[in-house]
PDB file of N, CA and C in Angstrom:
ATOM      1  N   MET A   1      14.455  -3.853  -0.129  1.00  0.00           N
ATOM      2  CA  MET A   1      13.186  -3.589  -0.777  1.00  0.00           C
ATOM      3  C   MET A   1      12.322  -2.660   0.075  1.00  0.00           C
ATOM      4  N   SER A   2      12.294  -2.852   1.407  1.00  0.00           N
ATOM      5  CA  SER A   2      11.510  -1.951   2.253  1.00  0.00           C
ATOM      6  C   SER A   2      12.254  -1.704   3.555  1.00  0.00           C
ATOM      7  N   ASP A   3      11.807  -0.734   4.304  1.00  0.00           N
ATOM      8  CA  ASP A   3      12.439  -0.388   5.575  1.00  0.00           C
ATOM      9  C   ASP A   3      11.617  -0.876   6.756  1.00  0.00           C
ATOM     10  N   LEU A   4      10.978  -2.023   6.616  1.00  0.00           N
ATOM     11  CA  LEU A   4      10.192  -2.573   7.715  1.00  0.00           C
ATOM     12  C   LEU A   4      11.110  -3.076   8.822  1.00  0.00           C
ATOM     13  N   PRO A   5      10.636  -3.042  10.055  1.00  0.00           N
ATOM     14  CA  PRO A   5      11.438  -3.596  11.155  1.00  0.00           C
ATOM     15  C   PRO A   5      11.719  -5.087  10.942  1.00  0.00           C
ATOM     16  N   LYS A   6      12.780  -5.565  11.543  1.00  0.00           N
ATOM     17  CA  LYS A   6      13.164  -6.969  11.431  1.00  0.00           C
ATOM     18  C   LYS A   6      12.018  -7.862  11.907  1.00  0.00           C
ATOM     19  N   GLY A   7      11.698  -8.877  11.124  1.00  0.00           N
ATOM     20  CA  GLY A   7      10.631  -9.813  11.471  1.00  0.00           C
ATOM     21  C   GLY A   7       9.270  -9.434  10.902  1.00  0.00           C
ATOM     22  N   TRP A   8       9.123  -8.233  10.367  1.00  0.00           N
ATOM     23  CA  TRP A   8       7.866  -7.788   9.758  1.00  0.00           C
ATOM     24  C   TRP A   8       7.837  -8.212   8.300  1.00  0.00           C
ATOM     25  N   THR A   9       6.641  -8.269   7.741  1.00  0.00           N
ATOM     26  CA  THR A   9       6.503  -8.607   6.332  1.00  0.00           C
ATOM     27  C   THR A   9       5.407  -7.756   5.688  1.00  0.00           C
ATOM     28  N   ASN A  10       5.490  -7.564   4.386  1.00  0.00           N
ATOM     29  CA  ASN A  10       4.451  -6.849   3.638  1.00  0.00           C
ATOM     30  C   ASN A  10       3.277  -7.773   3.376  1.00  0.00           C
ATOM     31  N   SER A  11       2.087  -7.213   3.320  1.00  0.00           N
ATOM     32  CA  SER A  11       0.892  -7.979   2.985  1.00  0.00           C
ATOM     33  C   SER A  11      -0.129  -7.053   2.352  1.00  0.00           C
ATOM     34  N   ASN A  12      -1.003  -7.608   1.554  1.00  0.00           N
ATOM     35  CA  ASN A  12      -2.113  -6.842   0.987  1.00  0.00           C
ATOM     36  C   ASN A  12      -3.198  -6.680   2.035  1.00  0.00           C
ATOM     37  N   LEU A  13      -3.877  -5.548   2.011  1.00  0.00           N
ATOM     38  CA  LEU A  13      -4.949  -5.283   2.965  1.00  0.00           C
ATOM     39  C   LEU A  13      -6.021  -6.367   2.909  1.00  0.00           C
ATOM     40  N   LYS A  14      -6.315  -6.868   1.715  1.00  0.00           N
ATOM     41  CA  LYS A  14      -7.356  -7.893   1.585  1.00  0.00           C
ATOM     42  C   LYS A  14      -7.006  -9.175   2.332  1.00  0.00           C
ATOM     43  N   ASN A  15      -5.735  -9.391   2.644  1.00  0.00           N
ATOM     44  CA  ASN A  15      -5.327 -10.568   3.415  1.00  0.00           C
ATOM     45  C   ASN A  15      -5.434 -10.349   4.923  1.00  0.00           C
ATOM     46  N   LEU A  16      -5.643  -9.125   5.331  1.00  0.00           N
ATOM     47  CA  LEU A  16      -5.651  -8.788   6.750  1.00  0.00           C
ATOM     48  C   LEU A  16      -7.006  -8.370   7.296  1.00  0.00           C
ATOM     49  N   ALA A  17      -7.895  -7.934   6.410  1.00  0.00           N
ATOM     50  CA  ALA A  17      -9.176  -7.394   6.871  1.00  0.00           C
ATOM     51  C   ALA A  17     -10.303  -7.805   5.942  1.00  0.00           C
ATOM     52  N   CYS A  18     -11.496  -7.813   6.488  1.00  0.00           N
ATOM     53  CA  CYS A  18     -12.698  -8.055   5.696  1.00  0.00           C
ATOM     54  C   CYS A  18     -13.382  -6.707   5.493  1.00  0.00           C
ATOM     55  N   TYR A  19     -14.035  -6.554   4.384  1.00  0.00           N
ATOM     56  CA  TYR A  19     -14.759  -5.310   4.159  1.00  0.00           C
ATOM     57  C   TYR A  19     -16.208  -5.623   3.834  1.00  0.00           C
ATOM     58  N   LYS A  20     -17.030  -4.651   4.100  1.00  0.00           N
ATOM     59  CA  LYS A  20     -18.453  -4.797   3.847  1.00  0.00           C
ATOM     60  C   LYS A  20     -18.982  -3.450   3.396  1.00  0.00           C
ATOM     61  N   LYS A  21     -19.527  -3.406   2.203  1.00  0.00           N
ATOM     62  CA  LYS A  21     -20.105  -2.163   1.711  1.00  0.00           C
ATOM     63  C   LYS A  21     -21.470  -1.977   2.364  1.00  0.00           C
ATOM     64  N   GLY A  22     -21.743  -0.795   2.731  1.00  0.00           N
ATOM     65  CA  GLY A  22     -23.025  -0.521   3.370  1.00  0.00           C
ATOM     66  C   GLY A  22     -23.166   0.953   3.680  1.00  0.00           C
ATOM     67  N   LYS A  23     -24.073   1.251   4.563  1.00  0.00           N
ATOM     68  CA  LYS A  23     -24.333   2.625   4.954  1.00  0.00           C
ATOM     69  C   LYS A  23     -23.516   2.981   6.188  1.00  0.00           C
ATOM     70  N   LYS A  24     -23.244   4.264   6.334  1.00  0.00           N
ATOM     71  CA  LYS A  24     -22.545   4.751   7.508  1.00  0.00           C
ATOM     72  C   LYS A  24     -23.395   4.467   8.742  1.00  0.00           C
ATOM     73  N   PRO A  25     -22.789   3.956   9.823  1.00  0.00           N
ATOM     74  CA  PRO A  25     -23.553   3.679  11.040  1.00  0.00           C
ATOM     75  C   PRO A  25     -24.214   4.940  11.586  1.00  0.00           C
ATOM     76  N   LYS A  26     -25.378   4.782  12.188  1.00  0.00           N
ATOM     77  CA  LYS A  26     -26.093   5.926  12.770  1.00  0.00           C
ATOM     78  C   LYS A  26     -25.370   6.473  13.987  1.00  0.00           C
ATOM     79  N   SER A  27     -24.686   5.587  14.720  1.00  0.00           N
ATOM     80  CA  SER A  27     -24.039   5.990  15.955  1.00  0.00           C
ATOM     81  C   SER A  27     -22.525   5.806  15.860  1.00  0.00           C
ATOM     82  N   LEU A  28     -21.787   6.907  15.939  1.00  0.00           N
ATOM     83  CA  LEU A  28     -20.331   6.881  15.950  1.00  0.00           C
ATOM     84  C   LEU A  28     -19.845   7.678  17.149  1.00  0.00           C
ATOM     85  N   ILE A  29     -18.694   7.298  17.690  1.00  0.00           N
ATOM     86  CA  ILE A  29     -18.088   8.068  18.769  1.00  0.00           C
ATOM     87  C   ILE A  29     -16.736   8.571  18.290  1.00  0.00           C
ATOM     88  N   SER A  30     -16.222   9.618  18.905  1.00  0.00           N
ATOM     89  CA  SER A  30     -14.990  10.235  18.418  1.00  0.00           C
ATOM     90  C   SER A  30     -13.742   9.807  19.183  1.00  0.00           C
ATOM     91  N   LYS A  31     -13.865   8.927  20.173  1.00  0.00           N
ATOM     92  CA  LYS A  31     -12.668   8.467  20.890  1.00  0.00           C
ATOM     93  C   LYS A  31     -12.650   6.940  20.928  1.00  0.00           C
ATOM     94  N   ASN A  32     -11.448   6.390  21.033  1.00  0.00           N
ATOM     95  CA  ASN A  32     -11.300   4.943  21.090  1.00  0.00           C
ATOM     96  C   ASN A  32     -11.682   4.420  22.470  1.00  0.00           C
ATOM     97  N   GLU A  33     -12.471   3.381  22.499  1.00  0.00           N
ATOM     98  CA  GLU A  33     -12.853   2.732  23.740  1.00  0.00           C
ATOM     99  C   GLU A  33     -12.786   1.229  23.534  1.00  0.00           C
ATOM    100  N   LYS A  34     -12.556   0.503  24.606  1.00  0.00           N
ATOM    101  CA  LYS A  34     -12.490  -0.953  24.531  1.00  0.00           C
ATOM    102  C   LYS A  34     -13.811  -1.502  23.978  1.00  0.00           C
ATOM    103  N   GLY A  35     -13.719  -2.443  23.044  1.00  0.00           N
ATOM    104  CA  GLY A  35     -14.905  -3.045  22.459  1.00  0.00           C
ATOM    105  C   GLY A  35     -15.393  -2.355  21.197  1.00  0.00           C
ATOM    106  N   TYR A  36     -14.781  -1.228  20.849  1.00  0.00           N
ATOM    107  CA  TYR A  36     -15.158  -0.499  19.650  1.00  0.00           C
ATOM    108  C   TYR A  36     -14.098  -0.701  18.577  1.00  0.00           C
ATOM    109  N   VAL A  37     -14.492  -0.597  17.332  1.00  0.00           N
ATOM    110  CA  VAL A  37     -13.562  -0.749  16.215  1.00  0.00           C
ATOM    111  C   VAL A  37     -13.580   0.515  15.361  1.00  0.00           C
ATOM    112  N   PRO A  38     -12.474   0.821  14.672  1.00  0.00           N
ATOM    113  CA  PRO A  38     -12.451   2.018  13.837  1.00  0.00           C
ATOM    114  C   PRO A  38     -13.456   1.935  12.699  1.00  0.00           C
ATOM    115  N   TYR A  39     -14.095   3.040  12.403  1.00  0.00           N
ATOM    116  CA  TYR A  39     -14.939   3.158  11.221  1.00  0.00           C
ATOM    117  C   TYR A  39     -14.061   3.813  10.162  1.00  0.00           C
ATOM    118  N   ILE A  40     -13.726   3.077   9.129  1.00  0.00           N
ATOM    119  CA  ILE A  40     -12.798   3.570   8.121  1.00  0.00           C
ATOM    120  C   ILE A  40     -13.585   4.133   6.944  1.00  0.00           C
ATOM    121  N   ASP A  41     -13.423   5.427   6.717  1.00  0.00           N
ATOM    122  CA  ASP A  41     -14.089   6.076   5.593  1.00  0.00           C
ATOM    123  C   ASP A  41     -13.042   6.541   4.586  1.00  0.00           C
ATOM    124  N   ILE A  42     -13.449   7.213   3.555  1.00  0.00           N
ATOM    125  CA  ILE A  42     -12.536   7.619   2.499  1.00  0.00           C
ATOM    126  C   ILE A  42     -11.447   8.548   3.020  1.00  0.00           C
ATOM    127  N   LYS A  43     -11.760   9.359   4.043  1.00  0.00           N
ATOM    128  CA  LYS A  43     -10.766  10.262   4.618  1.00  0.00           C
ATOM    129  C   LYS A  43      -9.591   9.481   5.219  1.00  0.00           C
ATOM    130  N   ALA A  44      -9.877   8.311   5.760  1.00  0.00           N
ATOM    131  CA  ALA A  44      -8.824   7.486   6.337  1.00  0.00           C
ATOM    132  C   ALA A  44      -7.842   7.032   5.260  1.00  0.00           C
ATOM    133  N   PHE A  45      -8.347   6.666   4.109  1.00  0.00           N
ATOM    134  CA  PHE A  45      -7.475   6.219   3.020  1.00  0.00           C
ATOM    135  C   PHE A  45      -6.753   7.381   2.346  1.00  0.00           C
ATOM    136  N   GLU A  46      -7.429   8.494   2.171  1.00  0.00           N
ATOM    137  CA  GLU A  46      -6.822   9.623   1.466  1.00  0.00           C
ATOM    138  C   GLU A  46      -5.841  10.412   2.321  1.00  0.00           C
ATOM    139  N   LYS A  47      -6.184  10.611   3.609  1.00  0.00           N
ATOM    140  CA  LYS A  47      -5.383  11.498   4.457  1.00  0.00           C
ATOM    141  C   LYS A  47      -4.885  10.841   5.739  1.00  0.00           C
ATOM    142  N   MET A  48      -5.150   9.535   5.899  1.00  0.00           N
ATOM    143  CA  MET A  48      -4.751   8.797   7.101  1.00  0.00           C
ATOM    144  C   MET A  48      -5.338   9.432   8.375  1.00  0.00           C
ATOM    145  N   ILE A  49      -6.583   9.910   8.288  1.00  0.00           N
ATOM    146  CA  ILE A  49      -7.285  10.493   9.424  1.00  0.00           C
ATOM    147  C   ILE A  49      -8.408   9.551   9.834  1.00  0.00           C
ATOM    148  N   PHE A  50      -8.338   9.042  11.061  1.00  0.00           N
ATOM    149  CA  PHE A  50      -9.345   8.141  11.597  1.00  0.00           C
ATOM    150  C   PHE A  50     -10.078   8.873  12.708  1.00  0.00           C
ATOM    151  N   ASN A  51     -11.290   9.362  12.417  1.00  0.00           N
ATOM    152  CA  ASN A  51     -12.013  10.203  13.367  1.00  0.00           C
ATOM    153  C   ASN A  51     -13.027   9.452  14.216  1.00  0.00           C
ATOM    154  N   ASN A  52     -13.572   8.384  13.727  1.00  0.00           N
ATOM    155  CA  ASN A  52     -14.714   7.779  14.399  1.00  0.00           C
ATOM    156  C   ASN A  52     -14.520   6.293  14.667  1.00  0.00           C
ATOM    157  N   THR A  53     -15.217   5.816  15.684  1.00  0.00           N
ATOM    158  CA  THR A  53     -15.261   4.389  15.963  1.00  0.00           C
ATOM    159  C   THR A  53     -16.712   3.982  16.133  1.00  0.00           C
ATOM    160  N   GLN A  54     -16.970   2.716  15.949  1.00  0.00           N
ATOM    161  CA  GLN A  54     -18.329   2.191  16.121  1.00  0.00           C
ATOM    162  C   GLN A  54     -18.278   0.969  16.999  1.00  0.00           C
ATOM    163  N   MET A  55     -19.395   0.634  17.607  1.00  0.00           N
ATOM    164  CA  MET A  55     -19.469  -0.543  18.461  1.00  0.00           C
ATOM    165  C   MET A  55     -19.716  -1.763  17.634  1.00  0.00           C
TER     166      MET A  55
END
């Protein structure tokens, strides 16, 4: 059915993450740093491009 590595399983995104609709954060950084999480915008879903992170 899929080419996932042995021991992996498929799951829906809603089972793995919480989402919150709101406004874009005022402060974003362009590199990954410890303690920061990815800011996922429409570009991430459409083109798999993750440019920003937020604290």
